[in-house]
Amino acid sequence: MKWTDINDLAIGLADAYPEVDPLTINFVDLMNRVLALPGFDDDPKRCGEKILEAIQQAWIDESA
């Protein structure tokens, strides 16, 4: 997965961290959790605030 695979990342996060409320996670923790997902293989330097916001929103939607 890459940073642009927003929906896949959100599904992976929801599956890996069902106990985490995505509304309360900060971007540093979010980035670290994405980097730890199995199958994620993108450059951490390619991540920015807009990407993290999109991932967080998709994770919120996935958890709803």
PDB file of N, CA and C in Angstrom:
ATOM      1  N   MET A   1       0.835  -1.182   0.000  1.00  0.00           N
ATOM      2  CA  MET A   1       0.000   0.000   0.000  1.00  0.00           C
ATOM      3  C   MET A   1       0.881   1.247   0.000  1.00  0.00           C
ATOM      4  N   LYS A   2       0.325   2.285  -0.545  1.00  0.00           N
ATOM      5  CA  LYS A   2       0.990   3.586  -0.616  1.00  0.00           C
ATOM      6  C   LYS A   2       0.150   4.619   0.136  1.00  0.00           C
ATOM      7  N   TRP A   3       0.720   5.795   0.350  1.00  0.00           N
ATOM      8  CA  TRP A   3      -0.004   6.867   1.042  1.00  0.00           C
ATOM      9  C   TRP A   3      -1.293   7.230   0.324  1.00  0.00           C
ATOM     10  N   THR A   4      -1.334   7.060  -0.970  1.00  0.00           N
ATOM     11  CA  THR A   4      -2.527   7.439  -1.735  1.00  0.00           C
ATOM     12  C   THR A   4      -3.642   6.398  -1.673  1.00  0.00           C
ATOM     13  N   ASP A   5      -3.382   5.251  -1.080  1.00  0.00           N
ATOM     14  CA  ASP A   5      -4.403   4.196  -0.944  1.00  0.00           C
ATOM     15  C   ASP A   5      -5.235   4.455   0.315  1.00  0.00           C
ATOM     16  N   ILE A   6      -5.890   5.596   0.321  1.00  0.00           N
ATOM     17  CA  ILE A   6      -6.581   6.101   1.521  1.00  0.00           C
ATOM     18  C   ILE A   6      -7.580   5.092   2.085  1.00  0.00           C
ATOM     19  N   ASN A   7      -8.469   4.571   1.253  1.00  0.00           N
ATOM     20  CA  ASN A   7      -9.500   3.656   1.747  1.00  0.00           C
ATOM     21  C   ASN A   7      -8.914   2.347   2.243  1.00  0.00           C
ATOM     22  N   ASP A   8      -7.925   1.821   1.533  1.00  0.00           N
ATOM     23  CA  ASP A   8      -7.276   0.587   1.986  1.00  0.00           C
ATOM     24  C   ASP A   8      -6.574   0.803   3.321  1.00  0.00           C
ATOM     25  N   LEU A   9      -5.938   1.946   3.470  1.00  0.00           N
ATOM     26  CA  LEU A   9      -5.280   2.251   4.736  1.00  0.00           C
ATOM     27  C   LEU A   9      -6.300   2.372   5.872  1.00  0.00           C
ATOM     28  N   ALA A  10      -7.426   3.009   5.595  1.00  0.00           N
ATOM     29  CA  ALA A  10      -8.464   3.164   6.620  1.00  0.00           C
ATOM     30  C   ALA A  10      -9.010   1.807   7.052  1.00  0.00           C
ATOM     31  N   ILE A  11      -9.227   0.924   6.101  1.00  0.00           N
ATOM     32  CA  ILE A  11      -9.706  -0.426   6.428  1.00  0.00           C
ATOM     33  C   ILE A  11      -8.661  -1.163   7.257  1.00  0.00           C
ATOM     34  N   GLY A  12      -7.402  -1.052   6.846  1.00  0.00           N
ATOM     35  CA  GLY A  12      -6.326  -1.690   7.594  1.00  0.00           C
ATOM     36  C   GLY A  12      -6.221  -1.171   9.019  1.00  0.00           C
ATOM     37  N   LEU A  13      -6.352   0.126   9.187  1.00  0.00           N
ATOM     38  CA  LEU A  13      -6.301   0.717  10.525  1.00  0.00           C
ATOM     39  C   LEU A  13      -7.486   0.273  11.377  1.00  0.00           C
ATOM     40  N   ALA A  14      -8.668   0.257  10.791  1.00  0.00           N
ATOM     41  CA  ALA A  14      -9.861  -0.166  11.531  1.00  0.00           C
ATOM     42  C   ALA A  14      -9.736  -1.621  11.969  1.00  0.00           C
ATOM     43  N   ASP A  15      -9.168  -2.457  11.105  1.00  0.00           N
ATOM     44  CA  ASP A  15      -8.986  -3.871  11.446  1.00  0.00           C
ATOM     45  C   ASP A  15      -7.892  -4.068  12.492  1.00  0.00           C
ATOM     46  N   ALA A  16      -6.792  -3.324  12.351  1.00  0.00           N
ATOM     47  CA  ALA A  16      -5.647  -3.504  13.237  1.00  0.00           C
ATOM     48  C   ALA A  16      -5.833  -2.860  14.605  1.00  0.00           C
ATOM     49  N   TYR A  17      -6.610  -1.787  14.650  1.00  0.00           N
ATOM     50  CA  TYR A  17      -6.767  -1.025  15.895  1.00  0.00           C
ATOM     51  C   TYR A  17      -8.238  -0.757  16.204  1.00  0.00           C
ATOM     52  N   PRO A  18      -9.024  -1.816  16.433  1.00  0.00           N
ATOM     53  CA  PRO A  18     -10.458  -1.604  16.677  1.00  0.00           C
ATOM     54  C   PRO A  18     -10.745  -0.850  17.973  1.00  0.00           C
ATOM     55  N   GLU A  19      -9.779  -0.843  18.890  1.00  0.00           N
ATOM     56  CA  GLU A  19      -9.978  -0.173  20.179  1.00  0.00           C
ATOM     57  C   GLU A  19      -9.671   1.320  20.123  1.00  0.00           C
ATOM     58  N   VAL A  20      -9.094   1.786  19.025  1.00  0.00           N
ATOM     59  CA  VAL A  20      -8.685   3.187  18.910  1.00  0.00           C
ATOM     60  C   VAL A  20      -9.809   4.012  18.283  1.00  0.00           C
ATOM     61  N   ASP A  21     -10.121   5.130  18.912  1.00  0.00           N
ATOM     62  CA  ASP A  21     -11.086   6.077  18.353  1.00  0.00           C
ATOM     63  C   ASP A  21     -10.321   7.005  17.415  1.00  0.00           C
ATOM     64  N   PRO A  22     -10.582   6.919  16.102  1.00  0.00           N
ATOM     65  CA  PRO A  22      -9.822   7.732  15.151  1.00  0.00           C
ATOM     66  C   PRO A  22     -10.032   9.238  15.333  1.00  0.00           C
ATOM     67  N   LEU A  23     -11.062   9.631  16.072  1.00  0.00           N
ATOM     68  CA  LEU A  23     -11.269  11.058  16.352  1.00  0.00           C
ATOM     69  C   LEU A  23     -10.250  11.607  17.345  1.00  0.00           C
ATOM     70  N   THR A  24      -9.636  10.722  18.127  1.00  0.00           N
ATOM     71  CA  THR A  24      -8.745  11.176  19.194  1.00  0.00           C
ATOM     72  C   THR A  24      -7.264  10.994  18.879  1.00  0.00           C
ATOM     73  N   ILE A  25      -6.932  10.407  17.752  1.00  0.00           N
ATOM     74  CA  ILE A  25      -5.536  10.120  17.443  1.00  0.00           C
ATOM     75  C   ILE A  25      -4.844  11.348  16.850  1.00  0.00           C
ATOM     76  N   ASN A  26      -3.601  11.579  17.263  1.00  0.00           N
ATOM     77  CA  ASN A  26      -2.855  12.700  16.678  1.00  0.00           C
ATOM     78  C   ASN A  26      -2.125  12.211  15.428  1.00  0.00           C
ATOM     79  N   PHE A  27      -1.656  13.148  14.636  1.00  0.00           N
ATOM     80  CA  PHE A  27      -1.077  12.789  13.341  1.00  0.00           C
ATOM     81  C   PHE A  27       0.228  12.005  13.464  1.00  0.00           C
ATOM     82  N   VAL A  28       0.995  12.241  14.507  1.00  0.00           N
ATOM     83  CA  VAL A  28       2.236  11.478  14.689  1.00  0.00           C
ATOM     84  C   VAL A  28       1.898  10.010  14.930  1.00  0.00           C
ATOM     85  N   ASP A  29       0.949   9.756  15.825  1.00  0.00           N
ATOM     86  CA  ASP A  29       0.527   8.384  16.099  1.00  0.00           C
ATOM     87  C   ASP A  29      -0.110   7.746  14.864  1.00  0.00           C
ATOM     88  N   LEU A  30      -0.916   8.520  14.160  1.00  0.00           N
ATOM     89  CA  LEU A  30      -1.561   8.012  12.948  1.00  0.00           C
ATOM     90  C   LEU A  30      -0.513   7.593  11.917  1.00  0.00           C
ATOM     91  N   MET A  31       0.474   8.434  11.702  1.00  0.00           N
ATOM     92  CA  MET A  31       1.523   8.116  10.740  1.00  0.00           C
ATOM     93  C   MET A  31       2.268   6.847  11.160  1.00  0.00           C
ATOM     94  N   ASN A  32       2.604   6.730  12.433  1.00  0.00           N
ATOM     95  CA  ASN A  32       3.309   5.546  12.917  1.00  0.00           C
ATOM     96  C   ASN A  32       2.478   4.279  12.765  1.00  0.00           C
ATOM     97  N   ARG A  33       1.183   4.382  12.980  1.00  0.00           N
ATOM     98  CA  ARG A  33       0.311   3.214  12.816  1.00  0.00           C
ATOM     99  C   ARG A  33       0.195   2.815  11.353  1.00  0.00           C
ATOM    100  N   VAL A  34       0.138   3.790  10.458  1.00  0.00           N
ATOM    101  CA  VAL A  34       0.116   3.489   9.019  1.00  0.00           C
ATOM    102  C   VAL A  34       1.413   2.797   8.619  1.00  0.00           C
ATOM    103  N   LEU A  35       2.542   3.330   9.076  1.00  0.00           N
ATOM    104  CA  LEU A  35       3.839   2.742   8.741  1.00  0.00           C
ATOM    105  C   LEU A  35       3.954   1.302   9.229  1.00  0.00           C
ATOM    106  N   ALA A  36       3.248   0.970  10.310  1.00  0.00           N
ATOM    107  CA  ALA A  36       3.308  -0.378  10.881  1.00  0.00           C
ATOM    108  C   ALA A  36       2.349  -1.367  10.225  1.00  0.00           C
ATOM    109  N   LEU A  37       1.464  -0.880   9.361  1.00  0.00           N
ATOM    110  CA  LEU A  37       0.502  -1.786   8.720  1.00  0.00           C
ATOM    111  C   LEU A  37       1.208  -2.787   7.815  1.00  0.00           C
ATOM    112  N   PRO A  38       0.783  -4.056   7.862  1.00  0.00           N
ATOM    113  CA  PRO A  38       1.348  -5.040   6.943  1.00  0.00           C
ATOM    114  C   PRO A  38       1.021  -4.647   5.499  1.00  0.00           C
ATOM    115  N   GLY A  39       1.991  -4.730   4.649  1.00  0.00           N
ATOM    116  CA  GLY A  39       1.766  -4.400   3.248  1.00  0.00           C
ATOM    117  C   GLY A  39       2.007  -2.950   2.899  1.00  0.00           C
ATOM    118  N   PHE A  40       2.267  -2.113   3.898  1.00  0.00           N
ATOM    119  CA  PHE A  40       2.554  -0.709   3.601  1.00  0.00           C
ATOM    120  C   PHE A  40       4.016  -0.575   3.225  1.00  0.00           C
ATOM    121  N   ASP A  41       4.288   0.022   2.071  1.00  0.00           N
ATOM    122  CA  ASP A  41       5.669   0.122   1.616  1.00  0.00           C
ATOM    123  C   ASP A  41       5.929   1.417   0.845  1.00  0.00           C
ATOM    124  N   ASP A  42       5.617   2.532   1.466  1.00  0.00           N
ATOM    125  CA  ASP A  42       5.862   3.820   0.830  1.00  0.00           C
ATOM    126  C   ASP A  42       6.847   4.613   1.693  1.00  0.00           C
ATOM    127  N   ASP A  43       7.407   5.628   1.115  1.00  0.00           N
ATOM    128  CA  ASP A  43       8.390   6.475   1.779  1.00  0.00           C
ATOM    129  C   ASP A  43       7.697   7.358   2.826  1.00  0.00           C
ATOM    130  N   PRO A  44       8.122   7.291   4.082  1.00  0.00           N
ATOM    131  CA  PRO A  44       7.505   8.138   5.113  1.00  0.00           C
ATOM    132  C   PRO A  44       7.586   9.629   4.786  1.00  0.00           C
ATOM    133  N   LYS A  45       8.575  10.031   4.015  1.00  0.00           N
ATOM    134  CA  LYS A  45       8.745  11.443   3.675  1.00  0.00           C
ATOM    135  C   LYS A  45       7.694  11.937   2.681  1.00  0.00           C
ATOM    136  N   ARG A  46       6.973  11.032   2.056  1.00  0.00           N
ATOM    137  CA  ARG A  46       5.934  11.425   1.093  1.00  0.00           C
ATOM    138  C   ARG A  46       4.612  11.742   1.769  1.00  0.00           C
ATOM    139  N   CYS A  47       4.576  11.608   3.077  1.00  0.00           N
ATOM    140  CA  CYS A  47       3.343  11.846   3.835  1.00  0.00           C
ATOM    141  C   CYS A  47       3.285  13.303   4.286  1.00  0.00           C
ATOM    142  N   GLY A  48       2.081  13.867   4.196  1.00  0.00           N
ATOM    143  CA  GLY A  48       1.870  15.229   4.669  1.00  0.00           C
ATOM    144  C   GLY A  48       0.568  15.331   5.433  1.00  0.00           C
ATOM    145  N   GLU A  49       0.300  16.522   5.922  1.00  0.00           N
ATOM    146  CA  GLU A  49      -0.890  16.752   6.742  1.00  0.00           C
ATOM    147  C   GLU A  49      -2.179  16.450   5.979  1.00  0.00           C
ATOM    148  N   LYS A  50      -2.245  16.825   4.711  1.00  0.00           N
ATOM    149  CA  LYS A  50      -3.467  16.580   3.936  1.00  0.00           C
ATOM    150  C   LYS A  50      -3.727  15.085   3.772  1.00  0.00           C
ATOM    151  N   ILE A  51      -2.677  14.317   3.558  1.00  0.00           N
ATOM    152  CA  ILE A  51      -2.842  12.865   3.431  1.00  0.00           C
ATOM    153  C   ILE A  51      -3.309  12.277   4.751  1.00  0.00           C
ATOM    154  N   LEU A  52      -2.696  12.704   5.846  1.00  0.00           N
ATOM    155  CA  LEU A  52      -3.098  12.195   7.154  1.00  0.00           C
ATOM    156  C   LEU A  52      -4.533  12.578   7.484  1.00  0.00           C
ATOM    157  N   GLU A  53      -4.947  13.790   7.123  1.00  0.00           N
ATOM    158  CA  GLU A  53      -6.345  14.197   7.338  1.00  0.00           C
ATOM    159  C   GLU A  53      -7.289  13.291   6.554  1.00  0.00           C
ATOM    160  N   ALA A  54      -6.937  12.991   5.317  1.00  0.00           N
ATOM    161  CA  ALA A  54      -7.787  12.131   4.483  1.00  0.00           C
ATOM    162  C   ALA A  54      -7.851  10.720   5.055  1.00  0.00           C
ATOM    163  N   ILE A  55      -6.715  10.197   5.518  1.00  0.00           N
ATOM    164  CA  ILE A  55      -6.699   8.855   6.120  1.00  0.00           C
ATOM    165  C   ILE A  55      -7.547   8.842   7.385  1.00  0.00           C
ATOM    166  N   GLN A  56      -7.377   9.865   8.220  1.00  0.00           N
ATOM    167  CA  GLN A  56      -8.150   9.925   9.459  1.00  0.00           C
ATOM    168  C   GLN A  56      -9.651   9.983   9.162  1.00  0.00           C
ATOM    169  N   GLN A  57     -10.061  10.786   8.206  1.00  0.00           N
ATOM    170  CA  GLN A  57     -11.479  10.890   7.872  1.00  0.00           C
ATOM    171  C   GLN A  57     -12.012   9.574   7.326  1.00  0.00           C
ATOM    172  N   ALA A  58     -11.243   8.929   6.477  1.00  0.00           N
ATOM    173  CA  ALA A  58     -11.664   7.629   5.939  1.00  0.00           C
ATOM    174  C   ALA A  58     -11.765   6.586   7.055  1.00  0.00           C
ATOM    175  N   TRP A  59     -10.860   6.637   8.018  1.00  0.00           N
ATOM    176  CA  TRP A  59     -10.892   5.714   9.158  1.00  0.00           C
ATOM    177  C   TRP A  59     -12.128   5.993  10.009  1.00  0.00           C
ATOM    178  N   ILE A  60     -12.462   7.248  10.211  1.00  0.00           N
ATOM    179  CA  ILE A  60     -13.675   7.614  10.952  1.00  0.00           C
ATOM    180  C   ILE A  60     -14.892   7.050  10.224  1.00  0.00           C
ATOM    181  N   ASP A  61     -14.937   7.248   8.911  1.00  0.00           N
ATOM    182  CA  ASP A  61     -16.061   6.729   8.119  1.00  0.00           C
ATOM    183  C   ASP A  61     -16.133   5.210   8.182  1.00  0.00           C
ATOM    184  N   GLU A  62     -14.992   4.567   8.129  1.00  0.00           N
ATOM    185  CA  GLU A  62     -14.938   3.100   8.177  1.00  0.00           C
ATOM    186  C   GLU A  62     -15.403   2.563   9.527  1.00  0.00           C
ATOM    187  N   SER A  63     -15.122   3.309  10.580  1.00  0.00           N
ATOM    188  CA  SER A  63     -15.470   2.869  11.940  1.00  0.00           C
ATOM    189  C   SER A  63     -16.906   3.163  12.314  1.00  0.00           C
ATOM    190  N   ALA A  64     -17.565   3.984  11.534  1.00  0.00           N
ATOM    191  CA  ALA A  64     -18.936   4.389  11.847  1.00  0.00           C
ATOM    192  C   ALA A  64     -19.930   3.283  11.606  1.00  0.00           C
TER     193      ALA A  64
END
